Each structure stands twice: as structure tokens, then as C-alpha cells.
Amino acid sequence: MKSTESIIEQKSFRFAVRIINLYNFLQENAKEYVLSKQVLRSGTSIGANVSEALSSESTTDFIHKLGIAAKEVRETSYWLRLLSETKFIDEKSFSSIHEECKELLKIINSIILTTKQKQENKRKKSE
């Protein structure tokens, strides 16, 4: 990781690595191929959308890309809960990765809210 990367960029990348490792485990050990592919797609998409947001061309685009990342976090949470309930992953593994998932959502939502507030304040000042 480069020290110039933002916290959300670092966390979403590390989360994607965990998701890839989970996918490999589910494929190799549990012989689970459908749900594992779903959690792989949504879990790795979070970081990709964060990366796109960080190179966005406007504040509106930044908020939009982070909004997509937040949706991907929620979808990933769904697949993780489903994998846990169907006993493909144990409670300890689920708790750890799901907590990280919830933390990502809090951070992303906080960034969106702060950015919207700054955008609104800037708009009010220009009136």
C-alpha cells in the first residue's frame, strides 16, 4: 500500500483481498460456486468504485461513485449473511469479515454526508 492512498482506499482494498481469499476457500473447500461468485463480485466492486470516486471529475460524480460503493457493501453484507446462515462460513469468520463490511459502509456513508454538506455550504455561499 502506498502511503498516499486514502484510508477508505486502503480499507476497501484490504477488504477485497479478504473477499478473494474467502472466495478461494469456498471454491476449494466447500465446493460452493454460486454464492461465492456473488460475494466475490460485490465485495471486490467496493474498492473499484472507491478508486473511481477518488479520480472523479466532479463532486457530483464523486458522490455518485461512492453511492454505488455503498450499495455494493450492502449487497456484500447480504451474501455474507446468507453464507453464514447456510453454514458455508463459521460464525467466527462471518463476524470478523462482516464487521469490516459494516465499518466500510459507515466510512463511505460518512464521506458522502460530509461531501454533500460541503457542497451545500458552497452553494449557499455563492447565492
C-alpha atoms as a PDB file:
ATOM      1  CA  MET A   1       0.000   0.000   0.000  1.00  0.00           C
ATOM      2  CA  LYS A   2       1.209   3.450  -0.859  1.00  0.00           C
ATOM      3  CA  SER A   3       1.177   5.931   1.994  1.00  0.00           C
ATOM      4  CA  THR A   4      -0.576   8.435  -0.281  1.00  0.00           C
ATOM      5  CA  GLU A   5      -3.684   6.240  -0.547  1.00  0.00           C
ATOM      6  CA  SER A   6      -6.690   7.332   1.466  1.00  0.00           C
ATOM      7  CA  ILE A   7      -7.948   5.300   4.411  1.00  0.00           C
ATOM      8  CA  ILE A   8     -11.077   4.239   2.516  1.00  0.00           C
ATOM      9  CA  GLU A   9      -8.962   3.191  -0.450  1.00  0.00           C
ATOM     10  CA  GLN A  10      -6.697   1.105   1.799  1.00  0.00           C
ATOM     11  CA  LYS A  11      -9.568  -0.454   3.736  1.00  0.00           C
ATOM     12  CA  SER A  12     -11.606  -1.299   0.649  1.00  0.00           C
ATOM     13  CA  PHE A  13      -8.532  -2.871  -0.993  1.00  0.00           C
ATOM     14  CA  ARG A  14      -7.747  -4.984   2.091  1.00  0.00           C
ATOM     15  CA  PHE A  15     -11.408  -5.998   2.246  1.00  0.00           C
ATOM     16  CA  ALA A  16     -11.280  -7.091  -1.413  1.00  0.00           C
ATOM     17  CA  VAL A  17      -8.257  -9.265  -0.616  1.00  0.00           C
ATOM     18  CA  ARG A  18     -10.208 -10.911   2.218  1.00  0.00           C
ATOM     19  CA  ILE A  19     -13.154 -11.476  -0.112  1.00  0.00           C
ATOM     20  CA  ILE A  20     -10.893 -13.103  -2.705  1.00  0.00           C
ATOM     21  CA  ASN A  21      -9.459 -15.371  -0.006  1.00  0.00           C
ATOM     22  CA  LEU A  22     -12.995 -16.251   1.111  1.00  0.00           C
ATOM     23  CA  TYR A  23     -13.947 -16.990  -2.490  1.00  0.00           C
ATOM     24  CA  ASN A  24     -10.954 -19.309  -2.882  1.00  0.00           C
ATOM     25  CA  PHE A  25     -11.843 -21.095   0.364  1.00  0.00           C
ATOM     26  CA  LEU A  26     -15.484 -21.534  -0.684  1.00  0.00           C
ATOM     27  CA  GLN A  27     -14.487 -22.850  -4.102  1.00  0.00           C
ATOM     28  CA  GLU A  28     -11.796 -25.245  -2.900  1.00  0.00           C
ATOM     29  CA  ASN A  29     -13.060 -26.447   0.480  1.00  0.00           C
ATOM     30  CA  ALA A  30     -16.832 -26.046   0.437  1.00  0.00           C
ATOM     31  CA  LYS A  31     -17.288 -26.665  -3.288  1.00  0.00           C
ATOM     32  CA  GLU A  32     -19.683 -23.701  -3.294  1.00  0.00           C
ATOM     33  CA  TYR A  33     -19.703 -21.978  -6.678  1.00  0.00           C
ATOM     34  CA  VAL A  34     -22.800 -19.760  -6.952  1.00  0.00           C
ATOM     35  CA  LEU A  35     -22.878 -17.689  -3.748  1.00  0.00           C
ATOM     36  CA  SER A  36     -19.093 -17.444  -3.715  1.00  0.00           C
ATOM     37  CA  LYS A  37     -19.112 -15.803  -7.155  1.00  0.00           C
ATOM     38  CA  GLN A  38     -21.764 -13.308  -5.992  1.00  0.00           C
ATOM     39  CA  VAL A  39     -19.807 -12.262  -2.894  1.00  0.00           C
ATOM     40  CA  LEU A  40     -16.625 -12.060  -4.996  1.00  0.00           C
ATOM     41  CA  ARG A  41     -18.242  -9.673  -7.479  1.00  0.00           C
ATOM     42  CA  SER A  42     -19.863  -7.350  -4.955  1.00  0.00           C
ATOM     43  CA  GLY A  43     -17.008  -7.478  -2.425  1.00  0.00           C
ATOM     44  CA  THR A  44     -14.318  -6.553  -4.927  1.00  0.00           C
ATOM     45  CA  SER A  45     -16.512  -3.960  -6.618  1.00  0.00           C
ATOM     46  CA  ILE A  46     -16.472  -1.809  -3.477  1.00  0.00           C
ATOM     47  CA  GLY A  47     -12.807  -0.905  -3.855  1.00  0.00           C
ATOM     48  CA  ALA A  48     -13.128  -0.443  -7.608  1.00  0.00           C
ATOM     49  CA  ASN A  49     -15.906   2.110  -7.095  1.00  0.00           C
ATOM     50  CA  VAL A  50     -13.969   3.854  -4.326  1.00  0.00           C
ATOM     51  CA  SER A  51     -10.993   4.090  -6.682  1.00  0.00           C
ATOM     52  CA  GLU A  52     -13.217   5.540  -9.415  1.00  0.00           C
ATOM     53  CA  ALA A  53     -14.689   8.046  -6.946  1.00  0.00           C
ATOM     54  CA  LEU A  54     -11.235   9.224  -5.951  1.00  0.00           C
ATOM     55  CA  SER A  55     -10.454  10.037  -9.566  1.00  0.00           C
ATOM     56  CA  SER A  56     -13.859  11.529 -10.337  1.00  0.00           C
ATOM     57  CA  GLU A  57     -14.237  14.627 -12.452  1.00  0.00           C
ATOM     58  CA  SER A  58     -16.728  16.406 -10.215  1.00  0.00           C
ATOM     59  CA  THR A  59     -18.156  16.386  -6.711  1.00  0.00           C
ATOM     60  CA  THR A  60     -21.434  15.039  -8.073  1.00  0.00           C
ATOM     61  CA  ASP A  61     -19.599  12.167  -9.771  1.00  0.00           C
ATOM     62  CA  PHE A  62     -17.626  11.537  -6.559  1.00  0.00           C
ATOM     63  CA  ILE A  63     -20.836  11.231  -4.536  1.00  0.00           C
ATOM     64  CA  HIS A  64     -22.427   9.038  -7.194  1.00  0.00           C
ATOM     65  CA  LYS A  65     -19.480   6.588  -7.313  1.00  0.00           C
ATOM     66  CA  LEU A  66     -19.347   6.362  -3.532  1.00  0.00           C
ATOM     67  CA  GLY A  67     -23.103   5.750  -3.534  1.00  0.00           C
ATOM     68  CA  ILE A  68     -22.530   2.775  -5.816  1.00  0.00           C
ATOM     69  CA  ALA A  69     -19.767   1.557  -3.478  1.00  0.00           C
ATOM     70  CA  ALA A  70     -22.213   1.785  -0.558  1.00  0.00           C
ATOM     71  CA  LYS A  71     -24.745  -0.309  -2.479  1.00  0.00           C
ATOM     72  CA  GLU A  72     -22.056  -2.902  -3.158  1.00  0.00           C
ATOM     73  CA  VAL A  73     -21.237  -3.012   0.567  1.00  0.00           C
ATOM     74  CA  ARG A  74     -24.894  -3.687   1.354  1.00  0.00           C
ATOM     75  CA  GLU A  75     -25.039  -6.424  -1.283  1.00  0.00           C
ATOM     76  CA  THR A  76     -21.855  -7.990   0.083  1.00  0.00           C
ATOM     77  CA  SER A  77     -23.350  -7.933   3.573  1.00  0.00           C
ATOM     78  CA  TYR A  78     -26.371  -9.811   2.226  1.00  0.00           C
ATOM     79  CA  TRP A  79     -24.229 -12.552   0.614  1.00  0.00           C
ATOM     80  CA  LEU A  80     -22.089 -12.869   3.743  1.00  0.00           C
ATOM     81  CA  ARG A  81     -25.179 -13.282   5.929  1.00  0.00           C
ATOM     82  CA  LEU A  82     -26.545 -15.876   3.528  1.00  0.00           C
ATOM     83  CA  LEU A  83     -23.254 -17.792   3.546  1.00  0.00           C
ATOM     84  CA  SER A  84     -23.271 -17.721   7.331  1.00  0.00           C
ATOM     85  CA  GLU A  85     -26.888 -18.844   7.699  1.00  0.00           C
ATOM     86  CA  THR A  86     -26.324 -21.735   5.293  1.00  0.00           C
ATOM     87  CA  LYS A  87     -23.190 -22.759   7.245  1.00  0.00           C
ATOM     88  CA  PHE A  88     -20.721 -22.241   4.402  1.00  0.00           C
ATOM     89  CA  ILE A  89     -18.728 -19.981   6.739  1.00  0.00           C
ATOM     90  CA  ASP A  90     -18.471 -20.324  10.504  1.00  0.00           C
ATOM     91  CA  GLU A  91     -19.610 -17.699  12.979  1.00  0.00           C
ATOM     92  CA  LYS A  92     -16.099 -16.514  13.839  1.00  0.00           C
ATOM     93  CA  SER A  93     -15.163 -15.933  10.189  1.00  0.00           C
ATOM     94  CA  PHE A  94     -18.513 -14.294   9.485  1.00  0.00           C
ATOM     95  CA  SER A  95     -18.274 -11.934  12.462  1.00  0.00           C
ATOM     96  CA  SER A  96     -14.811 -10.768  11.507  1.00  0.00           C
ATOM     97  CA  ILE A  97     -15.450 -10.078   7.833  1.00  0.00           C
ATOM     98  CA  HIS A  98     -18.972  -8.734   8.421  1.00  0.00           C
ATOM     99  CA  GLU A  99     -17.699  -6.222  10.987  1.00  0.00           C
ATOM    100  CA  GLU A 100     -15.211  -4.993   8.411  1.00  0.00           C
ATOM    101  CA  CYS A 101     -18.046  -4.740   5.896  1.00  0.00           C
ATOM    102  CA  LYS A 102     -20.146  -2.643   8.297  1.00  0.00           C
ATOM    103  CA  GLU A 103     -17.151  -0.401   9.022  1.00  0.00           C
ATOM    104  CA  LEU A 104     -16.692   0.244   5.289  1.00  0.00           C
ATOM    105  CA  LEU A 105     -20.343   1.249   4.994  1.00  0.00           C
ATOM    106  CA  LYS A 106     -20.042   3.675   7.922  1.00  0.00           C
ATOM    107  CA  ILE A 107     -16.947   5.302   6.452  1.00  0.00           C
ATOM    108  CA  ILE A 108     -18.417   5.585   2.953  1.00  0.00           C
ATOM    109  CA  ASN A 109     -21.703   6.996   4.251  1.00  0.00           C
ATOM    110  CA  SER A 110     -19.803   9.488   6.386  1.00  0.00           C
ATOM    111  CA  ILE A 111     -17.736  10.651   3.399  1.00  0.00           C
ATOM    112  CA  ILE A 112     -20.885  11.037   1.292  1.00  0.00           C
ATOM    113  CA  LEU A 113     -22.656  13.024   4.008  1.00  0.00           C
ATOM    114  CA  THR A 114     -19.675  15.296   4.640  1.00  0.00           C
ATOM    115  CA  THR A 115     -19.193  15.903   0.914  1.00  0.00           C
ATOM    116  CA  LYS A 116     -22.881  16.731   0.441  1.00  0.00           C
ATOM    117  CA  GLN A 117     -22.758  19.149   3.359  1.00  0.00           C
ATOM    118  CA  LYS A 118     -19.681  20.881   1.938  1.00  0.00           C
ATOM    119  CA  GLN A 119     -21.329  21.047  -1.470  1.00  0.00           C
ATOM    120  CA  GLU A 120     -24.464  22.595   0.062  1.00  0.00           C
ATOM    121  CA  ASN A 121     -22.438  25.115   2.090  1.00  0.00           C
ATOM    122  CA  LYS A 122     -20.531  26.105  -1.032  1.00  0.00           C
ATOM    123  CA  ARG A 123     -23.814  26.549  -2.918  1.00  0.00           C
ATOM    124  CA  LYS A 124     -25.255  28.721  -0.144  1.00  0.00           C
ATOM    125  CA  LYS A 125     -22.143  30.935  -0.076  1.00  0.00           C
ATOM    126  CA  SER A 126     -22.378  31.557  -3.801  1.00  0.00           C
ATOM    127  CA  GLU A 127     -26.010  32.753  -3.576  1.00  0.00           C
END
